[in-house]
Amino acid sequence: MFGIAIGLVILYFVFIIAATVLWIWVLVDCITKEPSGDNEKIVWVLVIVLVGALGALIYLIARRPKRKQLYGK
């Protein structure tokens, strides 16, 4: 029973670390590669920062493929 609890705690910390790494990677990707011609970059940075890992996932699903298709970055 105690081993299962330790395993769940370790799994929880691995999930938190992975979510943090994803968040940082997407934030840096957005800041460095998103075109800054309009306010869209600022909006995406705010979404990623304020919503956290969920905002990073939203950016990855909604914007990044479109940006890569349009701008090749």
Protein backbone atom coordinates (compact mmCIF):
# COMPACT_ATOMS: atom_id res chain seq x y z
CA MET A 1 0.00 0.00 0.00
CA PHE A 2 2.80 2.41 0.91
CA GLY A 3 4.65 1.56 -2.32
CA ILE A 4 1.63 2.53 -4.41
CA ALA A 5 1.41 5.90 -2.67
CA ILE A 6 5.09 6.62 -3.33
CA GLY A 7 4.64 5.57 -6.95
CA LEU A 8 1.72 7.96 -7.35
CA VAL A 9 3.70 10.81 -5.79
CA ILE A 10 6.60 10.16 -8.15
CA LEU A 11 4.20 10.00 -11.11
CA TYR A 12 2.66 13.30 -10.00
CA PHE A 13 6.06 15.01 -9.85
CA VAL A 14 7.04 13.63 -13.26
CA PHE A 15 3.78 15.03 -14.67
CA ILE A 16 4.40 18.44 -13.09
CA ILE A 17 7.97 18.57 -14.42
CA ALA A 18 6.82 17.54 -17.92
CA ALA A 19 4.06 20.18 -17.89
CA THR A 20 6.55 22.85 -16.79
CA VAL A 21 9.04 21.89 -19.50
CA LEU A 22 6.25 21.96 -22.11
CA TRP A 23 5.09 25.36 -20.86
CA ILE A 24 8.58 26.87 -21.05
CA TRP A 25 9.27 25.36 -24.49
CA VAL A 26 6.01 26.66 -25.97
CA LEU A 27 6.48 30.09 -24.40
CA VAL A 28 9.98 30.42 -25.85
CA ASP A 29 8.74 29.11 -29.22
CA CYS A 30 5.95 31.68 -29.29
CA ILE A 31 8.17 34.58 -28.25
CA THR A 32 10.95 33.79 -30.72
CA LYS A 33 9.07 32.52 -33.78
CA GLU A 34 5.66 34.14 -33.80
CA PRO A 35 5.51 37.08 -36.25
CA SER A 36 5.16 40.36 -34.38
CA GLY A 37 3.28 42.33 -37.03
CA ASP A 38 0.09 42.54 -35.03
CA ASN A 39 -1.17 41.93 -31.49
CA GLU A 40 -1.58 38.20 -32.04
CA LYS A 41 1.85 37.45 -30.55
CA ILE A 42 1.01 39.39 -27.38
CA VAL A 43 -2.34 37.62 -27.06
CA TRP A 44 -0.74 34.18 -27.42
CA VAL A 45 1.98 34.98 -24.89
CA LEU A 46 -0.69 36.13 -22.42
CA VAL A 47 -2.75 32.98 -23.03
CA ILE A 48 0.29 30.77 -22.44
CA VAL A 49 1.41 32.65 -19.33
CA LEU A 50 -2.00 33.08 -17.70
CA VAL A 51 -3.52 29.69 -18.48
CA GLY A 52 -0.32 27.69 -17.92
CA ALA A 53 0.14 24.21 -19.37
CA LEU A 54 -3.39 24.20 -20.74
CA GLY A 55 -2.64 27.44 -22.60
CA ALA A 56 0.51 25.82 -23.98
CA LEU A 57 -1.53 22.88 -25.27
CA ILE A 58 -4.07 25.24 -26.81
CA TYR A 59 -1.25 27.08 -28.60
CA LEU A 60 0.27 23.83 -29.84
CA ILE A 61 -3.03 22.59 -31.22
CA ALA A 62 -4.55 25.82 -32.53
CA ARG A 63 -1.74 28.11 -33.65
CA ARG A 64 1.59 26.37 -34.12
CA PRO A 65 0.62 24.19 -37.12
CA LYS A 66 -0.99 27.19 -38.82
CA ARG A 67 2.09 29.35 -38.15
CA LYS A 68 4.42 26.68 -39.54
CA GLN A 69 2.26 26.36 -42.64
CA LEU A 70 2.08 30.13 -43.24
CA TYR A 71 5.58 31.23 -42.25
CA GLY A 72 7.65 28.04 -42.25
CA LYS A 73 8.95 28.66 -38.71
